[in-house]
Protein backbone atom coordinates (compact mmCIF):
# COMPACT_ATOMS: atom_id res chain seq x y z
CA MET A 1 20.42 17.00 -10.92
CA PHE A 2 17.27 17.70 -12.08
CA ASP A 3 16.12 19.92 -14.83
CA PRO A 4 13.50 22.35 -12.83
CA LEU A 5 10.70 21.55 -15.24
CA SER A 6 11.01 17.92 -15.61
CA PHE A 7 10.85 17.85 -11.70
CA ALA A 8 8.07 19.93 -11.29
CA LEU A 9 6.19 17.42 -14.21
CA SER A 10 7.21 14.54 -12.01
CA LEU A 11 6.09 16.11 -8.89
CA ALA A 12 2.62 16.72 -10.65
CA ALA A 13 2.46 13.41 -11.88
CA ALA A 14 2.86 11.70 -8.31
CA LEU A 15 0.93 13.72 -6.20
CA VAL A 16 -2.22 12.96 -9.38
CA VAL A 17 -1.32 9.39 -8.61
CA ALA A 18 -1.08 9.60 -4.81
CA ALA A 19 -4.57 11.02 -5.00
CA THR A 20 -5.64 8.39 -6.96
CA PRO A 21 -7.73 5.85 -5.02
CA GLY A 22 -6.01 2.98 -5.46
CA PRO A 23 -5.75 -0.85 -3.69
CA GLY A 24 -3.20 1.10 -1.36
CA ILE A 25 -5.85 3.34 -0.14
CA LEU A 26 -8.46 0.49 -0.01
CA TYR A 27 -5.55 -1.36 1.87
CA VAL A 28 -5.31 1.07 4.68
CA ALA A 29 -9.10 2.30 4.89
CA ALA A 30 -9.88 -1.91 5.42
CA ARG A 31 -7.34 -1.51 8.15
CA THR A 32 -8.64 1.50 9.88
CA LEU A 33 -12.29 -0.22 9.79
CA ALA A 34 -11.27 -3.22 11.23
CA GLY A 35 -8.68 -2.05 14.19
CA GLY A 36 -8.97 1.99 14.06
CA ARG A 37 -6.72 5.05 13.36
CA ALA A 38 -3.82 3.49 14.97
CA ASP A 39 -4.03 0.78 12.92
CA GLY A 40 -4.49 2.52 9.37
CA ILE A 41 -1.82 5.01 10.52
CA ALA A 42 0.71 2.14 11.04
CA SER A 43 -0.47 0.28 8.01
CA SER A 44 0.45 3.57 6.02
CA VAL A 45 3.73 3.55 7.30
CA GLY A 46 4.52 0.30 7.01
CA THR A 47 3.25 0.19 3.40
CA GLY A 48 5.40 3.38 2.92
CA ILE A 49 8.41 1.23 4.24
CA GLY A 50 7.46 -1.44 1.26
CA GLY A 51 7.45 1.19 -1.02
CA MET A 52 10.92 2.17 -0.19
CA ALA A 53 12.04 -1.67 -0.95
CA HIS A 54 10.86 -1.41 -4.06
CA VAL A 55 12.69 1.86 -4.65
CA ALA A 56 15.66 0.64 -3.65
CA ALA A 57 15.10 -2.79 -5.58
CA GLY A 58 14.77 -0.37 -8.58
CA ALA A 59 17.67 1.31 -8.61
CA VAL A 60 20.28 -1.36 -8.32
CA GLY A 61 18.17 -3.35 -10.96
CA LEU A 62 16.49 -5.86 -9.32
CA SER A 63 12.85 -4.77 -9.81
CA ALA A 64 13.86 -5.15 -13.37
CA LEU A 65 15.07 -8.64 -13.22
CA LEU A 66 12.28 -9.86 -11.01
CA LEU A 67 9.69 -8.03 -13.73
CA ALA A 68 11.77 -10.55 -16.32
CA SER A 69 11.14 -13.55 -14.92
CA ALA A 70 7.38 -14.66 -15.03
CA GLU A 71 8.69 -17.28 -12.32
CA LEU A 72 10.13 -14.61 -9.96
CA PHE A 73 6.71 -12.54 -10.86
CA THR A 74 4.39 -15.12 -10.14
CA LEU A 75 6.20 -16.68 -6.66
CA LEU A 76 6.15 -12.96 -5.47
CA LYS A 77 2.72 -12.18 -6.52
CA LEU A 78 0.93 -15.40 -5.34
CA ALA A 79 2.84 -15.01 -2.06
CA GLY A 80 1.45 -11.68 -1.61
CA ALA A 81 -2.16 -12.71 -2.43
CA ALA A 82 -2.46 -15.04 -0.05
CA TYR A 83 -0.89 -13.12 3.02
CA LEU A 84 -3.72 -10.40 1.79
CA VAL A 85 -6.03 -13.38 1.74
CA LEU A 86 -4.81 -14.73 5.08
CA LEU A 87 -5.39 -11.12 6.47
CA GLY A 88 -8.58 -10.84 5.33
CA ILE A 89 -9.91 -14.13 6.68
CA ARG A 90 -8.49 -13.05 10.32
CA THR A 91 -10.27 -10.04 10.04
CA ILE A 92 -13.61 -11.53 8.74
CA ARG A 93 -13.23 -14.05 11.75
CA ALA A 94 -12.48 -11.74 14.57
CA ALA A 95 -15.59 -9.04 13.33
CA GLY A 96 -17.88 -11.17 15.44
CA THR A 97 -15.50 -10.24 18.92
CA PRO A 98 -16.93 -8.16 21.00
CA ILE A 99 -15.34 -4.55 21.48
CA ASP A 100 -15.54 -1.97 24.54
CA LEU A 101 -17.19 0.89 23.36
CA ALA A 102 -15.76 2.84 26.02
CA ARG A 103 -12.66 2.17 24.03
CA VAL A 104 -12.57 3.09 20.67
CA GLY A 105 -8.89 1.81 19.83
CA ALA A 106 -9.64 -1.53 21.99
CA GLY A 107 -8.08 -4.20 20.20
CA SER A 108 -5.95 -1.90 17.97
CA ARG A 109 -2.78 -3.90 17.70
CA PRO A 110 -0.22 -0.85 15.54
CA VAL A 111 2.92 -2.76 15.78
CA GLU A 112 1.40 -5.87 14.20
CA ALA A 113 -0.35 -3.45 11.13
CA PHE A 114 2.99 -1.78 10.81
CA ARG A 115 4.71 -4.97 10.26
CA GLN A 116 1.66 -6.22 7.98
CA GLY A 117 1.95 -3.21 6.33
CA ILE A 118 5.36 -3.91 5.37
CA VAL A 119 4.91 -7.62 4.23
CA VAL A 120 1.87 -6.33 2.15
CA GLU A 121 3.52 -3.81 -0.39
CA ALA A 122 7.05 -5.63 -0.27
CA LEU A 123 5.31 -8.84 -1.99
CA ASN A 124 3.45 -6.64 -4.33
CA PRO A 125 5.10 -6.99 -7.65
CA LYS A 126 2.89 -4.40 -9.50
CA THR A 127 4.82 -1.47 -7.00
CA ALA A 128 7.81 -2.74 -8.79
CA ALA A 129 6.30 -2.64 -12.03
CA PHE A 130 4.85 0.92 -11.55
CA PHE A 131 8.11 2.62 -10.41
CA LEU A 132 9.78 0.72 -13.42
CA ALA A 133 7.17 2.50 -15.77
CA PHE A 134 6.62 5.72 -13.86
CA LEU A 135 9.91 7.41 -12.44
CA PRO A 136 12.15 6.40 -15.27
CA GLN A 137 10.13 9.42 -17.37
CA PHE A 138 11.49 11.58 -15.57
CA VAL A 139 15.06 10.54 -15.11
CA ASP A 140 17.87 12.36 -17.25
CA PRO A 141 21.11 10.20 -17.52
CA SER A 142 22.68 13.39 -19.15
CA ARG A 143 22.76 14.96 -15.65
CA GLY A 144 24.28 11.89 -14.08
CA GLY A 145 23.44 9.97 -10.72
CA VAL A 146 19.99 7.70 -12.33
CA ALA A 147 20.67 5.74 -9.24
CA VAL A 148 20.01 8.71 -6.77
CA GLN A 149 17.57 10.38 -9.35
CA PHE A 150 15.79 7.13 -9.12
CA VAL A 151 15.54 7.03 -5.04
CA VAL A 152 14.82 10.90 -4.86
CA LEU A 153 11.96 10.42 -7.12
CA GLY A 154 10.84 7.12 -5.82
CA THR A 155 10.68 8.76 -2.25
CA ILE A 156 8.80 11.86 -2.98
CA SER A 157 6.28 9.18 -4.74
CA VAL A 158 6.37 7.38 -1.80
CA LEU A 159 5.93 10.22 0.69
CA LEU A 160 3.39 11.66 -1.33
CA ASN A 161 1.34 7.97 -1.33
CA THR A 162 2.10 7.47 3.04
CA GLY A 163 0.45 11.07 2.87
CA ALA A 164 -2.86 10.24 1.13
CA ASP A 165 -2.85 7.01 2.97
CA VAL A 166 -3.20 8.69 6.46
CA VAL A 167 -5.63 10.65 5.22
CA ALA A 168 -7.58 7.75 4.42
CA ALA A 169 -6.96 6.60 7.48
CA ALA A 170 -8.30 9.37 9.07
CA ALA A 171 -11.37 9.95 7.30
CA ALA A 172 -12.36 5.85 7.43
CA ASP A 173 -11.35 6.36 11.50
CA PHE A 174 -14.00 8.90 11.40
CA VAL A 175 -16.42 6.80 9.97
CA ARG A 176 -15.95 3.92 12.44
CA ARG A 177 -16.28 6.67 15.64
CA ASN A 178 -19.85 8.06 14.25
CA LEU A 179 -20.80 4.09 13.93
CA PHE A 180 -19.42 2.91 17.19
CA GLY A 181 -22.54 3.33 18.97
CA ARG A 182 -24.22 0.31 16.57
CA PRO A 183 -21.98 -2.81 17.42
CA SER A 184 -23.96 -4.70 14.42
CA VAL A 185 -23.02 -2.21 11.79
CA ILE A 186 -19.35 -2.43 13.05
CA ARG A 187 -19.61 -6.08 12.81
CA ARG A 188 -20.63 -5.77 9.18
CA LEU A 189 -18.29 -2.99 8.85
CA ARG A 190 -15.27 -5.32 9.66
CA GLN A 191 -16.58 -8.28 7.84
CA ALA A 192 -16.68 -6.31 5.02
CA SER A 193 -12.84 -5.04 5.58
CA GLY A 194 -11.97 -8.24 5.76
CA GLY A 195 -13.82 -8.55 2.61
CA VAL A 196 -12.01 -5.99 0.91
CA LEU A 197 -8.73 -7.78 1.80
CA CYS A 198 -9.45 -10.72 0.30
CA GLY A 199 -10.29 -8.95 -2.99
CA LEU A 200 -7.15 -7.43 -2.86
CA GLY A 201 -5.41 -10.47 -2.64
CA LEU A 202 -7.33 -12.19 -5.52
CA LEU A 203 -6.61 -8.79 -7.57
CA LEU A 204 -2.99 -9.64 -6.74
CA ALA A 205 -3.15 -13.47 -7.46
CA PHE A 206 -4.53 -12.45 -11.20
CA ALA A 207 -2.35 -9.67 -11.53
CA ARG A 208 -0.76 -9.76 -15.12
CA ARG A 209 3.17 -9.67 -15.47
CA PRO A 210 4.04 -6.30 -17.83
CA GLN A 211 5.51 -6.97 -20.72
CA ALA A 212 8.64 -5.59 -22.26
CA GLY A 213 7.89 -2.73 -24.38
């Protein structure tokens, strides 16, 4: 199905993209700092599933339709932006809630974090734009099964990104644990995490729709 050289290049490119810090890693790190490792890992898996939704949509042509419509693109990005800002405000408001220092995972809601991760990624039209710009470079129509090639490459990209997010969650949890004996610092850290979520929401709100080449 794939030319070996083209597949190797796509894998190398996907690795570089996954290892480059971006909004996804920032989102997972913020959720980890606010709620702990379980929340961070759950968020990573959730955003991975949300990413797979974009891969599936791209394979059947829905993503192209979304990007072709300024109204649909704006509606989706504003919904995603509002959701991120809402999560950020909730995180900031919860920052002052006392945490049981004897239980580092206290207050963790991994199931909720998992669901929110799916919604955050699924409502991000920039993810759809990325897949439509990145994956077709490595799809070879002459080898047939274009949709299958798209899904395989997209799945690999999502898995690599999810792996990078899990590493980011582990790193953020390490920082959180080492600061857990200082409640005031943890409170500010959780407030900053909420600020990051709000900032990501604002960035998404002002994202511009990619123009057809």
